[in-house]
Each structure stands twice: as C-alpha cells, then as structure tokens.
Amino acid sequence: MNCRSLEEYWAFYVSQHSKPSTRRWHFGGTLAALLCLLLAALRGSWRFLLLAPLLGYGPGWYSHFFVEGNPPAAFDRPLWSFLCDLKMFALMLAGRMDREIKRLGKRPLL
C-alpha cells in the first residue's frame, strides 16, 4: 500500500471493510475496548487496560479472517489503521458510515 496521506489510507481501509458484518465486529470490538479504558479510569485497575487491546482487536481480526477474507489493515499501518477504526466507529455511531461508503465508491480506491 503506497498511501501518502491518511485520507488516501482511509479509502483503502473502507475497501477492506466492505461487508456490514465486518464493520459490526469492528464496532463491537472498539466499543469493548473503550469500555475497558473507561473502567480502568473509573476503578483504577490496570487489568482493564490489559483487556482493552484484546477485546478491541480480537473481534476485528476475527472478522477479517473469517468474514471479510483479507488480512487486517493493522498489519500494514498500525497507527493509521487505529485512527481509521476510530473514525469508522464514530461514523457508525452517528449513522453516517453508509453515506461515507457511497462517497468513497464514487472515486477510485487504491
């Protein structure tokens, strides 16, 4: 992947999450990780911090291997992948992810 910007990478990232169930697995994982971080802050327990990456990445990776049939984007660009995952989570939470997919479908994906 020769993306030169996060916006270019976002178009690739969305193409790698083409199935709604893949996006739902990611949403659930991100939500679980965020809840772990919240619990860690509220309870002052480092155990929740250890669970956050496992619960955050586990469902997403499962969806890539068994639903989408492609490798997780995090293997190529971990930071950009993480930022795109948060963006996808926010767009799904706001009910705007389908609109974003349509927007990106009208331009060539890398």
N, C-alpha and C. Protein backbone atom coordinates (compact mmCIF):
# COMPACT_ATOMS: atom_id res chain seq x y z
N MET A 1 0.84 -1.17 0.00
CA MET A 1 0.00 0.00 0.00
C MET A 1 0.88 1.23 0.00
N ASN A 2 0.76 2.04 -1.01
CA ASN A 2 1.58 3.25 -1.12
C ASN A 2 0.75 4.50 -0.88
N CYS A 3 0.07 4.55 0.23
CA CYS A 3 -0.72 5.73 0.58
C CYS A 3 0.21 6.81 1.11
N ARG A 4 -0.03 8.02 0.67
CA ARG A 4 0.81 9.12 1.11
C ARG A 4 0.14 9.99 2.15
N SER A 5 -1.14 9.73 2.42
CA SER A 5 -1.85 10.52 3.41
C SER A 5 -2.88 9.63 4.11
N LEU A 6 -3.33 10.12 5.23
CA LEU A 6 -4.35 9.38 5.97
C LEU A 6 -5.65 9.31 5.18
N GLU A 7 -5.97 10.34 4.44
CA GLU A 7 -7.19 10.34 3.62
C GLU A 7 -7.11 9.27 2.53
N GLU A 8 -5.96 9.11 1.91
CA GLU A 8 -5.80 8.02 0.93
C GLU A 8 -5.93 6.67 1.61
N TYR A 9 -5.33 6.55 2.78
CA TYR A 9 -5.41 5.29 3.51
C TYR A 9 -6.84 4.99 3.93
N TRP A 10 -7.60 6.02 4.27
CA TRP A 10 -9.00 5.84 4.66
C TRP A 10 -9.79 5.16 3.54
N ALA A 11 -9.58 5.59 2.31
CA ALA A 11 -10.28 4.97 1.18
C ALA A 11 -9.91 3.48 1.08
N PHE A 12 -8.66 3.15 1.26
CA PHE A 12 -8.23 1.75 1.26
C PHE A 12 -8.85 1.01 2.44
N TYR A 13 -8.81 1.61 3.61
CA TYR A 13 -9.35 0.99 4.82
C TYR A 13 -10.82 0.63 4.63
N VAL A 14 -11.60 1.55 4.10
CA VAL A 14 -13.02 1.30 3.88
C VAL A 14 -13.21 0.16 2.89
N SER A 15 -12.37 0.08 1.87
CA SER A 15 -12.49 -1.01 0.90
C SER A 15 -12.21 -2.37 1.53
N GLN A 16 -11.42 -2.38 2.59
CA GLN A 16 -11.09 -3.63 3.28
C GLN A 16 -12.16 -4.02 4.31
N HIS A 17 -13.17 -3.19 4.46
CA HIS A 17 -14.27 -3.42 5.38
C HIS A 17 -15.59 -3.33 4.60
N SER A 18 -15.66 -4.06 3.51
CA SER A 18 -16.79 -3.93 2.59
C SER A 18 -18.07 -4.59 3.10
N LYS A 19 -17.95 -5.59 3.95
CA LYS A 19 -19.14 -6.31 4.43
C LYS A 19 -19.66 -5.67 5.72
N PRO A 20 -20.98 -5.48 5.79
CA PRO A 20 -21.55 -4.88 7.00
C PRO A 20 -21.20 -5.66 8.27
N SER A 21 -21.14 -6.98 8.19
CA SER A 21 -20.83 -7.75 9.41
C SER A 21 -19.39 -7.50 9.86
N THR A 22 -18.49 -7.26 8.92
CA THR A 22 -17.11 -6.91 9.30
C THR A 22 -17.10 -5.61 10.09
N ARG A 23 -17.83 -4.65 9.58
CA ARG A 23 -17.90 -3.36 10.28
C ARG A 23 -18.56 -3.51 11.64
N ARG A 24 -19.57 -4.35 11.77
CA ARG A 24 -20.21 -4.56 13.07
C ARG A 24 -19.26 -5.22 14.07
N TRP A 25 -18.47 -6.20 13.61
CA TRP A 25 -17.48 -6.83 14.50
C TRP A 25 -16.49 -5.77 15.00
N HIS A 26 -16.05 -4.89 14.09
CA HIS A 26 -15.12 -3.82 14.47
C HIS A 26 -15.77 -2.87 15.48
N PHE A 27 -17.01 -2.53 15.22
CA PHE A 27 -17.73 -1.63 16.12
C PHE A 27 -17.79 -2.22 17.53
N GLY A 28 -18.17 -3.49 17.60
CA GLY A 28 -18.25 -4.16 18.90
C GLY A 28 -16.91 -4.21 19.61
N GLY A 29 -15.85 -4.50 18.87
CA GLY A 29 -14.52 -4.54 19.46
C GLY A 29 -14.06 -3.18 19.95
N THR A 30 -14.31 -2.17 19.16
CA THR A 30 -13.92 -0.81 19.57
C THR A 30 -14.71 -0.38 20.78
N LEU A 31 -16.00 -0.67 20.80
CA LEU A 31 -16.83 -0.34 21.96
C LEU A 31 -16.33 -1.05 23.21
N ALA A 32 -16.01 -2.33 23.08
CA ALA A 32 -15.50 -3.09 24.23
C ALA A 32 -14.19 -2.50 24.75
N ALA A 33 -13.29 -2.12 23.83
CA ALA A 33 -12.02 -1.54 24.22
C ALA A 33 -12.23 -0.19 24.93
N LEU A 34 -13.11 0.63 24.40
CA LEU A 34 -13.38 1.92 25.03
C LEU A 34 -14.00 1.74 26.42
N LEU A 35 -14.87 0.76 26.56
CA LEU A 35 -15.45 0.48 27.88
C LEU A 35 -14.37 0.00 28.86
N CYS A 36 -13.43 -0.79 28.37
CA CYS A 36 -12.31 -1.22 29.22
C CYS A 36 -11.50 -0.02 29.69
N LEU A 37 -11.23 0.91 28.80
CA LEU A 37 -10.47 2.11 29.17
C LEU A 37 -11.24 2.94 30.20
N LEU A 38 -12.54 3.04 30.00
CA LEU A 38 -13.38 3.77 30.95
C LEU A 38 -13.37 3.09 32.33
N LEU A 39 -13.53 1.78 32.33
CA LEU A 39 -13.49 1.04 33.60
C LEU A 39 -12.13 1.16 34.28
N ALA A 40 -11.07 1.14 33.49
CA ALA A 40 -9.73 1.29 34.06
C ALA A 40 -9.60 2.65 34.74
N ALA A 41 -10.14 3.68 34.10
CA ALA A 41 -10.06 5.02 34.69
C ALA A 41 -10.94 5.14 35.93
N LEU A 42 -12.13 4.56 35.88
CA LEU A 42 -13.06 4.69 36.99
C LEU A 42 -12.65 3.85 38.20
N ARG A 43 -12.13 2.68 37.94
CA ARG A 43 -11.78 1.76 39.03
C ARG A 43 -10.29 1.78 39.37
N GLY A 44 -9.51 2.41 38.54
CA GLY A 44 -8.07 2.44 38.79
C GLY A 44 -7.42 1.07 38.68
N SER A 45 -7.96 0.25 37.83
CA SER A 45 -7.45 -1.12 37.69
C SER A 45 -6.71 -1.29 36.36
N TRP A 46 -5.47 -1.73 36.43
CA TRP A 46 -4.67 -1.93 35.23
C TRP A 46 -5.13 -3.16 34.46
N ARG A 47 -5.90 -4.05 35.09
CA ARG A 47 -6.36 -5.27 34.41
C ARG A 47 -7.24 -4.93 33.22
N PHE A 48 -8.04 -3.89 33.37
CA PHE A 48 -8.89 -3.47 32.25
C PHE A 48 -8.05 -2.92 31.09
N LEU A 49 -6.91 -2.33 31.44
CA LEU A 49 -6.02 -1.84 30.38
C LEU A 49 -5.45 -3.00 29.56
N LEU A 50 -5.20 -4.11 30.22
CA LEU A 50 -4.71 -5.29 29.51
C LEU A 50 -5.77 -5.91 28.62
N LEU A 51 -7.02 -5.81 29.03
CA LEU A 51 -8.11 -6.37 28.24
C LEU A 51 -8.45 -5.52 27.01
N ALA A 52 -8.22 -4.22 27.09
CA ALA A 52 -8.62 -3.31 26.02
C ALA A 52 -8.10 -3.72 24.64
N PRO A 53 -6.79 -3.98 24.46
CA PRO A 53 -6.33 -4.37 23.12
C PRO A 53 -6.87 -5.73 22.68
N LEU A 54 -6.99 -6.65 23.62
CA LEU A 54 -7.50 -7.98 23.28
C LEU A 54 -8.95 -7.90 22.80
N LEU A 55 -9.78 -7.19 23.55
CA LEU A 55 -11.18 -7.06 23.18
C LEU A 55 -11.37 -6.10 22.00
N GLY A 56 -10.45 -5.17 21.84
CA GLY A 56 -10.55 -4.23 20.72
C GLY A 56 -10.15 -4.84 19.40
N TYR A 57 -9.03 -5.52 19.37
CA TYR A 57 -8.54 -6.08 18.10
C TYR A 57 -9.09 -7.47 17.80
N GLY A 58 -9.38 -8.26 18.83
CA GLY A 58 -9.84 -9.64 18.62
C GLY A 58 -11.03 -9.77 17.68
N PRO A 59 -12.14 -9.08 17.95
CA PRO A 59 -13.30 -9.20 17.06
C PRO A 59 -13.02 -8.69 15.64
N GLY A 60 -12.25 -7.62 15.55
CA GLY A 60 -11.92 -7.09 14.22
C GLY A 60 -11.09 -8.06 13.41
N TRP A 61 -10.10 -8.65 14.03
CA TRP A 61 -9.26 -9.61 13.33
C TRP A 61 -10.05 -10.86 12.97
N TYR A 62 -10.92 -11.29 13.88
CA TYR A 62 -11.79 -12.43 13.57
C TYR A 62 -12.58 -12.13 12.29
N SER A 63 -13.14 -10.93 12.22
CA SER A 63 -13.97 -10.57 11.06
C SER A 63 -13.16 -10.55 9.77
N HIS A 64 -11.90 -10.17 9.84
CA HIS A 64 -11.08 -10.17 8.62
C HIS A 64 -10.78 -11.58 8.16
N PHE A 65 -10.42 -12.45 9.08
CA PHE A 65 -10.04 -13.80 8.71
C PHE A 65 -11.23 -14.68 8.33
N PHE A 66 -12.38 -14.50 9.01
CA PHE A 66 -13.49 -15.42 8.81
C PHE A 66 -14.71 -14.82 8.13
N VAL A 67 -14.79 -13.51 8.01
CA VAL A 67 -15.93 -12.87 7.35
C VAL A 67 -15.50 -12.19 6.05
N GLU A 68 -14.55 -11.29 6.17
CA GLU A 68 -14.11 -10.50 5.01
C GLU A 68 -13.15 -11.27 4.11
N GLY A 69 -12.33 -12.12 4.72
CA GLY A 69 -11.38 -12.91 3.94
C GLY A 69 -10.16 -12.13 3.47
N ASN A 70 -9.71 -11.18 4.28
CA ASN A 70 -8.50 -10.43 3.95
C ASN A 70 -7.70 -10.20 5.24
N PRO A 71 -6.43 -9.85 5.12
CA PRO A 71 -5.65 -9.61 6.35
C PRO A 71 -6.03 -8.27 6.97
N PRO A 72 -5.93 -8.16 8.29
CA PRO A 72 -6.23 -6.88 8.95
C PRO A 72 -5.30 -5.77 8.45
N ALA A 73 -5.89 -4.61 8.26
CA ALA A 73 -5.11 -3.45 7.80
C ALA A 73 -4.07 -3.03 8.84
N ALA A 74 -4.28 -3.41 10.08
CA ALA A 74 -3.36 -3.01 11.15
C ALA A 74 -1.96 -3.59 10.95
N PHE A 75 -1.84 -4.66 10.17
CA PHE A 75 -0.52 -5.25 9.94
C PHE A 75 0.36 -4.34 9.09
N ASP A 76 -0.26 -3.55 8.21
CA ASP A 76 0.49 -2.70 7.29
C ASP A 76 0.82 -1.34 7.93
N ARG A 77 -0.17 -0.67 8.43
CA ARG A 77 -0.02 0.67 9.02
C ARG A 77 -0.78 0.72 10.34
N PRO A 78 -0.17 0.28 11.42
CA PRO A 78 -0.91 0.17 12.69
C PRO A 78 -1.53 1.48 13.19
N LEU A 79 -0.80 2.59 13.13
CA LEU A 79 -1.34 3.84 13.65
C LEU A 79 -2.48 4.34 12.78
N TRP A 80 -2.28 4.36 11.46
CA TRP A 80 -3.34 4.82 10.57
C TRP A 80 -4.56 3.90 10.66
N SER A 81 -4.32 2.61 10.79
CA SER A 81 -5.42 1.67 10.92
C SER A 81 -6.23 1.96 12.19
N PHE A 82 -5.54 2.22 13.28
CA PHE A 82 -6.20 2.53 14.54
C PHE A 82 -7.04 3.81 14.41
N LEU A 83 -6.47 4.84 13.79
CA LEU A 83 -7.20 6.09 13.60
C LEU A 83 -8.42 5.90 12.70
N CYS A 84 -8.26 5.09 11.66
CA CYS A 84 -9.38 4.81 10.77
C CYS A 84 -10.45 3.99 11.47
N ASP A 85 -10.04 3.10 12.35
CA ASP A 85 -11.01 2.32 13.12
C ASP A 85 -11.84 3.23 14.01
N LEU A 86 -11.20 4.20 14.63
CA LEU A 86 -11.93 5.16 15.46
C LEU A 86 -12.87 6.01 14.61
N LYS A 87 -12.42 6.39 13.42
CA LYS A 87 -13.27 7.18 12.51
C LYS A 87 -14.48 6.35 12.08
N MET A 88 -14.25 5.08 11.73
CA MET A 88 -15.36 4.23 11.32
C MET A 88 -16.34 4.05 12.48
N PHE A 89 -15.83 3.86 13.69
CA PHE A 89 -16.68 3.74 14.87
C PHE A 89 -17.55 4.98 15.03
N ALA A 90 -16.94 6.15 14.94
CA ALA A 90 -17.69 7.40 15.10
C ALA A 90 -18.75 7.56 14.01
N LEU A 91 -18.38 7.24 12.77
CA LEU A 91 -19.35 7.35 11.68
C LEU A 91 -20.49 6.36 11.85
N MET A 92 -20.20 5.15 12.31
CA MET A 92 -21.26 4.17 12.55
C MET A 92 -22.15 4.63 13.70
N LEU A 93 -21.56 5.16 14.74
CA LEU A 93 -22.32 5.65 15.89
C LEU A 93 -23.27 6.78 15.46
N ALA A 94 -22.80 7.61 14.54
CA ALA A 94 -23.61 8.74 14.06
C ALA A 94 -24.56 8.33 12.93
N GLY A 95 -24.47 7.07 12.47
CA GLY A 95 -25.32 6.61 11.38
C GLY A 95 -24.93 7.16 10.03
N ARG A 96 -23.64 7.50 9.85
CA ARG A 96 -23.19 8.10 8.60
C ARG A 96 -22.20 7.23 7.82
N MET A 97 -21.96 6.00 8.26
CA MET A 97 -20.97 5.16 7.58
C MET A 97 -21.43 4.76 6.18
N ASP A 98 -22.71 4.45 6.01
CA ASP A 98 -23.21 4.08 4.68
C ASP A 98 -23.03 5.23 3.70
N ARG A 99 -23.26 6.44 4.14
CA ARG A 99 -23.06 7.61 3.29
C ARG A 99 -21.58 7.76 2.90
N GLU A 100 -20.69 7.47 3.85
CA GLU A 100 -19.25 7.55 3.57
C GLU A 100 -18.83 6.48 2.57
N ILE A 101 -19.38 5.29 2.69
CA ILE A 101 -19.07 4.22 1.74
C ILE A 101 -19.51 4.62 0.34
N LYS A 102 -20.69 5.19 0.22
CA LYS A 102 -21.17 5.65 -1.09
C LYS A 102 -20.28 6.76 -1.63
N ARG A 103 -19.87 7.66 -0.75
CA ARG A 103 -18.99 8.76 -1.19
C ARG A 103 -17.68 8.21 -1.74
N LEU A 104 -17.11 7.27 -1.05
CA LEU A 104 -15.83 6.71 -1.48
C LEU A 104 -15.98 5.80 -2.68
N GLY A 105 -17.15 5.23 -2.87
CA GLY A 105 -17.38 4.35 -4.01
C GLY A 105 -17.37 5.10 -5.33
N LYS A 106 -17.50 6.38 -5.27
CA LYS A 106 -17.52 7.19 -6.48
C LYS A 106 -16.13 7.66 -6.89
N ARG A 107 -15.12 7.28 -6.14
CA ARG A 107 -13.75 7.63 -6.51
C ARG A 107 -12.92 6.35 -6.51
N PRO A 108 -11.87 6.33 -7.27
CA PRO A 108 -11.08 5.10 -7.34
C PRO A 108 -10.42 4.78 -6.00
N LEU A 109 -10.49 3.53 -5.61
CA LEU A 109 -9.82 3.08 -4.41
C LEU A 109 -8.42 2.61 -4.76
N LEU A 110 -7.49 2.82 -3.86
CA LEU A 110 -6.10 2.43 -4.11
C LEU A 110 -5.91 0.96 -3.94
